[in-house]
Amino acid sequence: MNSTLKKTPPVATPRLAYLLSQYPAVSHTFLRDEINGLRQLGFTIETASINAASAAHTGEDGAAVSSTFYVKPTPATRALGLAFRTLFSQPGVFFRGLRAAFTGTGLDAWRILYAGFYFLEGLLVADWLRQRNLRHLHIHFGGPVATVGRIAARAARVPYSLTIHGPDEFFNENKFLLRQKIEQAAFVLCISDFCRAQLMRIAAPRHWSRLHVARLGVNTDLFAARTPRSLAVPVQILCVGRLVPAKGQRVLLDACRLLAERGHPLHITFVGTGPGADGLKTHAAVLGLGASVHFTGALTHAETRARLAEADVFVLPSFAEGIPVSIMEAMAIQLACVSTWTAGIPELITDNVDGLLVPPGSAHALADALELLFADPQLRARLGLAARQRVLAYYSQKDSLPRTAALFSEHISGDLP
């Protein structure tokens, strides 16, 4: 964690709980950084995770695993036993949670079934809050994890807040009861202006004042500017992100096929895991790119930084995004980046100023943008330098974490009983 955070301690240093879908997770190191950064600024934070940690963890992540309450790994017998005990010893808690869980399910059998599971998970979180004497719950993401968190908070009668990333929540706003979650939250942090605008679309105007932009950031000391270098042969293209259709990796393969036909030798590295891995490997083989494409799987932060240092160009051709931390990290090391005109990305990259943007889904436009970078070393250098300056000015943890801390202190009482 960055040891040079701006020390602007809040007036009150809240004690709160964080509920996360999976913690720690290789693809969500920004969550670990946020929690540790807030602790460094004086906050007391305890963590709960719906799912087990993503892989074996050591060092800093090992400590996070040992101190985190895991919901789904809890034996079913314990969850059911807690439900029965709560019904008889704390019926108010039980029925408040039950009402929160089953509101909005209608007669849909699957939604009723899932509501039952969410209810049990919510009771487990509510019991954990009680045992740890935690009086505020903060939840990252607005999907199922927030469903469980909302049930827990309503059952335990504690306020909750949200950090919304998007855009997945916006595509399923009715399924996730997103309007109710927003309107019942004490406050909501949005990672981008685009995100806040989407929540303004969903929530009634009287709730807009509780929607605040709190941008994510990167450690610009850890992701330091690299020394400029000549283009490698073959050109090293790097894409970091979950292997899912929304990230547009298939379009990148199509663009690379076009570039190969134009005579550009390429090597493409995909860092990440996901359900789309096999399909991408098959598509690369069909395009005749198999020997030029490498899938690393999940990597640690240090391993990802090493890949960034070896790359010539960073590409994330997403169809839908919040503001990707992976692009921030690439920009921080002065790597020329290409992405798309979608969702929150244009808040991070200004086209032809600190990166290049193309229409999402267009392999030809992506190929043209990459070819432009290959042919012009001065353009690569200019965009890379401007990219780091952009991150330093707006997306550095040194600034973003104190701003998030100030928002928490403004809305949460200090050492609550």
Protein backbone atom coordinates (compact mmCIF):
# COMPACT_ATOMS: atom_id res chain seq x y z
CA MET A 1 0.00 0.00 0.00
CA ASN A 2 1.17 3.52 -0.75
CA SER A 3 2.95 4.92 2.31
CA THR A 4 2.73 8.53 1.15
CA LEU A 5 -0.99 9.18 1.41
CA LYS A 6 -1.81 12.78 2.11
CA LYS A 7 -2.41 12.84 5.85
CA THR A 8 -5.65 14.76 6.13
CA PRO A 9 -7.32 12.86 8.99
CA PRO A 10 -11.09 13.27 9.09
CA VAL A 11 -12.76 14.94 12.01
CA ALA A 12 -14.24 11.57 13.01
CA THR A 13 -12.68 8.20 12.24
CA PRO A 14 -15.62 5.86 11.69
CA ARG A 15 -15.64 2.21 12.61
CA LEU A 16 -17.41 0.29 9.88
CA ALA A 17 -17.86 -3.01 8.10
CA TYR A 18 -17.09 -3.67 4.45
CA LEU A 19 -19.13 -6.34 2.66
CA LEU A 20 -17.61 -7.56 -0.61
CA SER A 21 -18.50 -10.23 -3.13
CA GLN A 22 -15.04 -11.80 -2.94
CA TYR A 23 -12.15 -10.62 -0.80
CA PRO A 24 -9.32 -10.70 -1.42
CA ALA A 25 -9.56 -11.25 -5.18
CA VAL A 26 -6.77 -11.07 -7.73
CA SER A 27 -8.91 -8.98 -10.10
CA HIS A 28 -9.98 -6.53 -7.36
CA THR A 29 -6.73 -5.44 -5.72
CA PHE A 30 -8.16 -1.90 -5.65
CA LEU A 31 -10.51 -3.05 -2.87
CA ARG A 32 -7.59 -4.16 -0.72
CA ASP A 33 -5.82 -0.88 -1.45
CA GLU A 34 -8.91 1.13 -0.50
CA ILE A 35 -9.43 -0.71 2.78
CA ASN A 36 -5.77 -0.55 3.77
CA GLY A 37 -5.56 3.10 2.73
CA LEU A 38 -8.55 4.06 4.88
CA ARG A 39 -7.03 2.17 7.79
CA GLN A 40 -3.85 4.13 7.27
CA LEU A 41 -5.92 7.30 7.54
CA GLY A 42 -7.28 6.22 10.92
CA PHE A 43 -10.40 4.21 10.09
CA THR A 44 -11.29 0.93 11.78
CA ILE A 45 -12.60 -1.44 9.12
CA GLU A 46 -13.65 -5.08 9.39
CA THR A 47 -14.34 -7.16 6.30
CA ALA A 48 -16.88 -9.78 5.27
CA SER A 49 -16.95 -11.60 1.93
CA ILE A 50 -19.84 -13.49 0.36
CA ASN A 51 -17.49 -15.88 -1.46
CA ALA A 52 -14.23 -17.49 -0.41
CA ALA A 53 -10.96 -15.81 -1.42
CA SER A 54 -10.11 -16.34 -5.09
CA ALA A 55 -6.84 -18.26 -4.60
CA ALA A 56 -4.05 -19.01 -2.15
CA HIS A 57 -2.92 -15.76 -0.56
CA THR A 58 0.20 -14.86 1.35
CA GLY A 59 1.63 -11.78 3.03
CA GLU A 60 -0.75 -8.83 3.04
CA ASP A 61 -3.53 -10.87 1.40
CA GLY A 62 -2.96 -13.70 3.86
CA ALA A 63 -3.68 -11.33 6.72
CA ALA A 64 -6.85 -10.18 4.95
CA VAL A 65 -8.05 -13.80 4.61
CA SER A 66 -7.48 -14.59 8.26
CA SER A 67 -9.43 -11.53 9.46
CA THR A 68 -12.36 -11.74 6.99
CA PHE A 69 -15.74 -13.35 7.74
CA TYR A 70 -16.77 -15.61 4.83
CA VAL A 71 -20.49 -16.10 4.30
CA LYS A 72 -20.97 -18.91 1.75
CA PRO A 73 -18.32 -21.19 3.30
CA THR A 74 -20.43 -21.17 6.48
CA PRO A 75 -21.97 -24.65 6.92
CA ALA A 76 -25.66 -24.82 5.96
CA THR A 77 -26.48 -26.35 9.33
CA ARG A 78 -25.07 -23.31 11.10
CA ALA A 79 -27.01 -20.91 8.84
CA LEU A 80 -30.29 -22.77 9.40
CA GLY A 81 -29.62 -23.04 13.13
CA LEU A 82 -29.01 -19.29 13.30
CA ALA A 83 -32.28 -18.65 11.46
CA PHE A 84 -34.28 -20.72 13.96
CA ARG A 85 -32.55 -19.14 16.96
CA THR A 86 -33.14 -15.67 15.55
CA LEU A 87 -36.83 -16.43 14.94
CA PHE A 88 -37.40 -17.29 18.60
CA SER A 89 -34.90 -15.02 20.36
CA GLN A 90 -34.98 -11.98 18.04
CA PRO A 91 -38.19 -12.16 16.00
CA GLY A 92 -37.88 -8.49 15.00
CA VAL A 93 -34.51 -9.17 13.34
CA PHE A 94 -35.90 -12.28 11.63
CA PHE A 95 -39.01 -10.66 10.18
CA ARG A 96 -37.28 -7.43 9.14
CA GLY A 97 -34.78 -9.53 7.20
CA LEU A 98 -37.54 -11.71 5.77
CA ARG A 99 -39.47 -8.70 4.54
CA ALA A 100 -36.36 -7.17 2.94
CA ALA A 101 -35.52 -10.47 1.25
CA PHE A 102 -38.92 -11.22 -0.28
CA THR A 103 -40.03 -7.70 -1.23
CA GLY A 104 -40.18 -7.48 -5.01
CA THR A 105 -39.95 -11.20 -5.80
CA GLY A 106 -43.54 -11.44 -6.97
CA LEU A 107 -44.60 -14.99 -7.86
CA ASP A 108 -41.41 -15.85 -9.73
CA ALA A 109 -40.34 -19.22 -8.33
CA TRP A 110 -36.62 -18.70 -9.05
CA ARG A 111 -36.59 -15.26 -7.45
CA ILE A 112 -38.36 -16.66 -4.39
CA LEU A 113 -35.80 -19.47 -4.16
CA TYR A 114 -32.86 -17.09 -4.45
CA ALA A 115 -34.51 -14.74 -1.94
CA GLY A 116 -34.45 -17.60 0.55
CA PHE A 117 -30.72 -18.09 0.11
CA TYR A 118 -30.09 -14.33 0.30
CA PHE A 119 -32.18 -14.20 3.49
CA LEU A 120 -30.00 -16.81 5.21
CA GLU A 121 -26.82 -15.06 4.06
CA GLY A 122 -28.22 -11.73 5.25
CA LEU A 123 -28.93 -13.17 8.69
CA LEU A 124 -25.35 -14.45 8.88
CA VAL A 125 -24.02 -10.96 8.05
CA ALA A 126 -26.44 -9.34 10.50
CA ASP A 127 -25.24 -11.71 13.24
CA TRP A 128 -21.62 -10.91 12.40
CA LEU A 129 -22.38 -7.19 12.63
CA ARG A 130 -23.95 -7.74 16.05
CA GLN A 131 -21.09 -9.86 17.34
CA ARG A 132 -18.48 -7.35 16.17
CA ASN A 133 -20.55 -4.35 17.35
CA LEU A 134 -20.38 -2.79 13.88
CA ARG A 135 -22.94 -0.06 13.27
CA HIS A 136 -22.40 0.86 9.63
CA LEU A 137 -22.16 -1.44 6.61
CA HIS A 138 -20.49 -0.39 3.36
CA ILE A 139 -20.99 -2.51 0.26
CA HIS A 140 -19.04 -2.52 -3.01
CA PHE A 141 -21.11 -3.25 -6.16
CA GLY A 142 -24.88 -3.20 -6.50
CA GLY A 143 -25.71 -6.79 -7.50
CA PRO A 144 -26.23 -9.87 -5.30
CA VAL A 145 -23.69 -8.73 -2.69
CA ALA A 146 -25.76 -5.58 -2.14
CA THR A 147 -28.92 -7.69 -1.98
CA VAL A 148 -27.42 -9.62 0.94
CA GLY A 149 -26.05 -6.43 2.50
CA ARG A 150 -29.40 -4.65 2.30
CA ILE A 151 -31.14 -7.60 4.00
CA ALA A 152 -28.49 -7.66 6.73
CA ALA A 153 -28.68 -3.92 7.33
CA ARG A 154 -32.48 -3.89 7.46
CA ALA A 155 -32.53 -6.89 9.79
CA ALA A 156 -29.90 -5.44 12.14
CA ARG A 157 -31.26 -1.89 11.87
CA VAL A 158 -27.93 -0.39 10.89
CA PRO A 159 -27.41 2.10 8.06
CA TYR A 160 -25.66 0.97 4.91
CA SER A 161 -23.89 2.70 2.04
CA LEU A 162 -22.85 1.59 -1.42
CA THR A 163 -20.04 2.03 -3.89
CA ILE A 164 -21.50 1.48 -7.37
CA HIS A 165 -19.16 0.71 -10.25
CA GLY A 166 -21.40 -0.26 -13.16
CA PRO A 167 -22.30 -1.02 -15.78
CA ASP A 168 -23.60 -4.54 -15.01
CA GLU A 169 -25.96 -3.23 -12.34
CA PHE A 170 -27.54 -0.85 -14.85
CA PHE A 171 -28.39 -3.68 -17.25
CA ASN A 172 -30.22 -5.58 -14.48
CA GLU A 173 -31.61 -2.73 -12.42
CA ASN A 174 -35.05 -4.33 -11.90
CA LYS A 175 -33.66 -7.78 -11.11
CA PHE A 176 -31.26 -6.26 -8.57
CA LEU A 177 -33.86 -3.84 -7.13
CA LEU A 178 -31.29 -1.15 -7.70
CA ARG A 179 -33.67 1.75 -7.16
CA GLN A 180 -34.66 0.46 -3.72
CA LYS A 181 -31.04 -0.15 -2.75
CA ILE A 182 -30.05 3.39 -3.76
CA GLU A 183 -33.00 5.10 -2.12
CA GLN A 184 -32.64 3.17 1.16
CA ALA A 185 -28.88 3.71 1.40
CA ALA A 186 -27.49 6.38 3.70
CA PHE A 187 -25.32 7.54 0.81
CA VAL A 188 -23.88 6.18 -2.43
CA LEU A 189 -20.37 6.56 -3.85
CA CYS A 190 -20.12 6.45 -7.66
CA ILE A 191 -16.80 5.73 -9.36
CA SER A 192 -17.52 8.06 -12.29
CA ASP A 193 -19.78 10.86 -13.48
CA PHE A 194 -21.30 8.35 -15.91
CA CYS A 195 -22.15 6.07 -12.99
CA ARG A 196 -23.73 8.90 -11.01
CA ALA A 197 -25.80 9.93 -14.03
CA GLN A 198 -27.12 6.38 -14.40
CA LEU A 199 -28.15 6.32 -10.75
CA MET A 200 -29.83 9.71 -11.20
CA ARG A 201 -31.79 8.12 -14.04
CA ILE A 202 -32.92 5.31 -11.74
CA ALA A 203 -33.52 7.09 -8.41
CA ALA A 204 -36.06 9.79 -7.65
CA PRO A 205 -34.62 13.34 -7.75
CA ARG A 206 -35.04 13.83 -4.00
CA HIS A 207 -32.30 11.21 -3.50
CA TRP A 208 -29.74 12.72 -5.91
CA SER A 209 -27.99 14.75 -3.20
CA ARG A 210 -26.78 11.50 -1.61
CA LEU A 211 -25.00 10.38 -4.80
CA HIS A 212 -21.31 11.33 -4.70
CA VAL A 213 -18.52 10.79 -7.22
CA ALA A 214 -15.57 9.02 -5.57
CA ARG A 215 -13.07 8.01 -8.23
CA LEU A 216 -10.81 5.02 -7.88
CA GLY A 217 -7.06 5.56 -8.05
CA VAL A 218 -3.76 3.77 -8.48
CA ASN A 219 -0.49 3.86 -6.60
CA THR A 220 1.56 6.07 -8.91
CA ASP A 221 4.75 5.27 -6.99
CA LEU A 222 4.28 1.55 -7.54
CA PHE A 223 3.21 2.07 -11.15
CA ALA A 224 6.07 4.44 -12.01
CA ALA A 225 6.88 5.84 -15.44
CA ARG A 226 9.03 3.51 -17.49
CA THR A 227 11.87 4.53 -19.79
CA PRO A 228 10.65 5.08 -23.38
CA ARG A 229 11.81 2.45 -25.85
CA SER A 230 11.62 1.52 -29.51
CA LEU A 231 8.81 -0.65 -30.83
CA ALA A 232 9.55 -4.35 -30.41
CA VAL A 233 9.39 -6.87 -33.23
CA PRO A 234 6.91 -8.47 -33.04
CA VAL A 235 4.88 -5.66 -31.49
CA GLN A 236 3.85 -6.55 -27.93
CA ILE A 237 0.13 -5.89 -27.34
CA LEU A 238 -1.22 -6.32 -23.82
CA CYS A 239 -4.83 -6.66 -22.67
CA VAL A 240 -5.63 -7.01 -18.94
CA GLY A 241 -9.13 -7.86 -17.78
CA ARG A 242 -11.58 -10.65 -17.10
CA LEU A 243 -12.12 -12.90 -20.11
CA VAL A 244 -15.78 -12.12 -20.69
CA PRO A 245 -17.63 -10.91 -23.81
CA ALA A 246 -18.14 -7.39 -22.39
CA LYS A 247 -14.39 -6.74 -22.45
CA GLY A 248 -14.32 -7.05 -26.26
CA GLN A 249 -11.24 -9.30 -26.44
CA ARG A 250 -12.68 -11.11 -29.47
CA VAL A 251 -12.72 -7.79 -31.35
CA LEU A 252 -9.04 -7.33 -30.47
CA LEU A 253 -8.27 -10.71 -32.03
CA ASP A 254 -10.18 -9.70 -35.16
CA ALA A 255 -8.23 -6.42 -35.32
CA CYS A 256 -4.94 -8.28 -34.90
CA ARG A 257 -5.87 -10.57 -37.79
CA LEU A 258 -6.38 -7.48 -39.95
CA LEU A 259 -3.01 -6.10 -38.82
CA ALA A 260 -1.30 -9.40 -39.59
CA GLU A 261 -2.78 -9.26 -43.09
CA ARG A 262 -1.30 -5.76 -43.43
CA GLY A 263 2.15 -7.14 -42.65
CA HIS A 264 2.52 -6.30 -38.94
CA PRO A 265 4.11 -9.06 -36.84
CA LEU A 266 2.32 -9.14 -33.48
CA HIS A 267 2.30 -10.87 -30.13
CA ILE A 268 -0.86 -10.51 -28.04
CA THR A 269 -0.94 -11.26 -24.31
CA PHE A 270 -4.19 -11.62 -22.39
CA VAL A 271 -3.91 -11.35 -18.60
CA GLY A 272 -6.94 -12.56 -16.67
CA THR A 273 -9.36 -15.42 -16.27
CA GLY A 274 -13.03 -15.88 -17.03
CA PRO A 275 -15.66 -18.00 -18.74
CA GLY A 276 -14.70 -16.67 -22.17
CA ALA A 277 -11.17 -18.12 -22.15
CA ASP A 278 -11.87 -21.25 -24.19
CA GLY A 279 -13.87 -19.35 -26.80
CA LEU A 280 -11.07 -16.81 -27.23
CA LYS A 281 -8.47 -19.53 -27.64
CA THR A 282 -10.61 -21.23 -30.27
CA HIS A 283 -11.20 -17.95 -32.10
CA ALA A 284 -7.47 -17.16 -32.10
CA ALA A 285 -6.77 -20.57 -33.64
CA VAL A 286 -9.48 -20.11 -36.29
CA LEU A 287 -7.95 -16.74 -37.23
CA GLY A 288 -4.51 -18.32 -37.55
CA LEU A 289 -3.19 -16.32 -34.59
CA GLY A 290 -2.70 -19.20 -32.17
CA ALA A 291 1.09 -18.98 -32.10
CA SER A 292 0.94 -15.20 -31.58
CA VAL A 293 -1.48 -15.21 -28.63
CA HIS A 294 -0.62 -15.99 -25.02
CA PHE A 295 -3.10 -16.41 -22.16
CA THR A 296 -1.38 -15.98 -18.79
CA GLY A 297 -4.37 -16.60 -16.54
CA ALA A 298 -4.63 -14.63 -13.31
CA LEU A 299 -1.44 -12.85 -12.26
CA THR A 300 -0.37 -11.09 -9.10
CA HIS A 301 -0.01 -7.31 -9.05
CA ALA A 302 3.79 -7.63 -9.37
CA GLU A 303 3.49 -10.03 -12.30
CA THR A 304 1.03 -7.71 -14.05
CA ARG A 305 3.42 -4.77 -13.61
CA ALA A 306 6.14 -6.87 -15.25
CA ARG A 307 3.86 -7.52 -18.24
CA LEU A 308 3.09 -3.81 -18.52
CA ALA A 309 6.83 -3.05 -18.55
CA GLU A 310 7.30 -5.43 -21.50
CA ALA A 311 4.36 -4.14 -23.58
CA ASP A 312 4.40 -1.68 -26.47
CA VAL A 313 0.68 -0.88 -26.46
CA PHE A 314 -2.16 -1.52 -24.00
CA VAL A 315 -5.62 -2.32 -25.40
CA LEU A 316 -8.99 -2.78 -23.69
CA PRO A 317 -11.73 -2.75 -26.37
CA SER A 318 -14.69 -2.97 -23.95
CA PHE A 319 -18.36 -2.85 -24.87
CA ALA A 320 -19.33 -1.74 -21.36
CA GLU A 321 -17.19 -0.47 -18.49
CA GLY A 322 -17.03 1.63 -15.38
CA ILE A 323 -13.55 3.17 -15.36
CA PRO A 324 -11.08 0.28 -15.59
CA VAL A 325 -8.22 0.29 -13.07
CA SER A 326 -6.20 -1.75 -15.57
CA ILE A 327 -6.17 1.21 -17.97
CA MET A 328 -5.19 3.59 -15.14
CA GLU A 329 -2.23 1.36 -14.31
CA ALA A 330 -1.10 1.22 -17.94
CA MET A 331 -1.42 4.99 -18.25
CA ALA A 332 0.52 5.48 -15.01
CA ILE A 333 3.61 3.81 -16.49
CA GLN A 334 3.35 5.98 -19.65
CA LEU A 335 2.13 3.20 -21.91
CA ALA A 336 0.13 4.27 -24.97
CA CYS A 337 -3.44 2.98 -24.56
CA VAL A 338 -6.32 2.25 -26.91
CA SER A 339 -9.87 1.78 -25.66
CA THR A 340 -13.44 2.57 -26.67
CA TRP A 341 -16.02 5.33 -26.54
CA THR A 342 -18.19 3.66 -23.95
CA ALA A 343 -19.59 4.36 -20.47
CA GLY A 344 -16.98 5.89 -18.13
CA ILE A 345 -13.87 5.35 -20.27
CA PRO A 346 -13.98 8.80 -21.97
CA GLU A 347 -13.72 10.36 -18.48
CA LEU A 348 -10.31 8.71 -18.18
CA ILE A 349 -9.01 8.96 -21.76
CA THR A 350 -9.40 12.03 -23.96
CA ASP A 351 -9.04 10.86 -27.54
CA ASN A 352 -5.72 11.81 -29.16
CA VAL A 353 -4.65 13.62 -25.96
CA ASP A 354 -3.73 10.88 -23.51
CA GLY A 355 -4.79 7.81 -25.49
CA LEU A 356 -6.86 6.73 -28.47
CA LEU A 357 -10.56 5.86 -28.45
CA VAL A 358 -12.44 3.88 -31.09
CA PRO A 359 -16.07 2.83 -31.51
CA PRO A 360 -16.82 -0.31 -29.49
CA GLY A 361 -17.17 -3.43 -31.59
CA SER A 362 -15.27 -2.10 -34.63
CA ALA A 363 -12.27 -4.31 -35.45
CA HIS A 364 -11.35 -2.09 -38.42
CA ALA A 365 -11.28 1.10 -36.31
CA LEU A 366 -9.22 -0.67 -33.66
CA ALA A 367 -6.77 -1.98 -36.24
CA ASP A 368 -6.41 1.50 -37.74
CA ALA A 369 -5.71 3.04 -34.31
CA LEU A 370 -3.08 0.43 -33.50
CA GLU A 371 -1.43 0.82 -36.90
CA LEU A 372 -1.26 4.57 -36.29
CA LEU A 373 0.62 3.95 -33.03
CA PHE A 374 2.96 1.43 -34.66
CA ALA A 375 3.94 3.93 -37.34
CA ASP A 376 4.47 7.00 -35.15
CA PRO A 377 6.91 6.76 -32.20
CA GLN A 378 6.40 10.44 -31.37
CA LEU A 379 2.64 9.86 -31.05
CA ARG A 380 3.24 6.90 -28.73
CA ALA A 381 5.59 8.97 -26.58
CA ARG A 382 3.24 11.99 -26.48
CA LEU A 383 0.21 9.94 -25.55
CA GLY A 384 2.15 7.99 -22.93
CA LEU A 385 3.50 11.12 -21.24
CA ALA A 386 0.06 12.78 -21.23
CA ALA A 387 -1.49 9.57 -19.90
CA ARG A 388 0.69 9.57 -16.80
CA GLN A 389 0.00 13.26 -16.22
CA ARG A 390 -3.72 12.55 -16.44
CA VAL A 391 -3.49 9.80 -13.81
CA LEU A 392 -1.32 11.92 -11.54
CA ALA A 393 -3.84 14.76 -11.73
CA TYR A 394 -7.10 12.83 -11.29
CA TYR A 395 -6.58 9.13 -10.49
CA SER A 396 -3.78 8.89 -7.93
CA GLN A 397 -4.48 7.10 -4.63
CA LYS A 398 -2.67 9.94 -2.85
CA ASP A 399 -5.68 12.11 -3.68
CA SER A 400 -8.56 9.67 -4.21
CA LEU A 401 -8.31 7.89 -0.85
CA PRO A 402 -8.39 11.08 1.28
CA ARG A 403 -11.42 12.24 -0.73
CA THR A 404 -13.19 8.93 -0.06
CA ALA A 405 -12.22 9.18 3.62
CA ALA A 406 -13.71 12.67 3.80
CA LEU A 407 -17.00 11.43 2.31
CA PHE A 408 -17.20 8.63 4.87
CA SER A 409 -16.47 11.03 7.74
CA GLU A 410 -19.09 13.46 6.49
CA HIS A 411 -21.83 10.83 6.47
CA ILE A 412 -20.91 8.38 9.25
CA SER A 413 -20.71 9.18 12.95
CA GLY A 414 -17.42 8.48 14.68
CA ASP A 415 -16.98 5.71 17.25
CA LEU A 416 -20.57 4.52 17.29
CA PRO A 417 -21.68 2.45 20.29
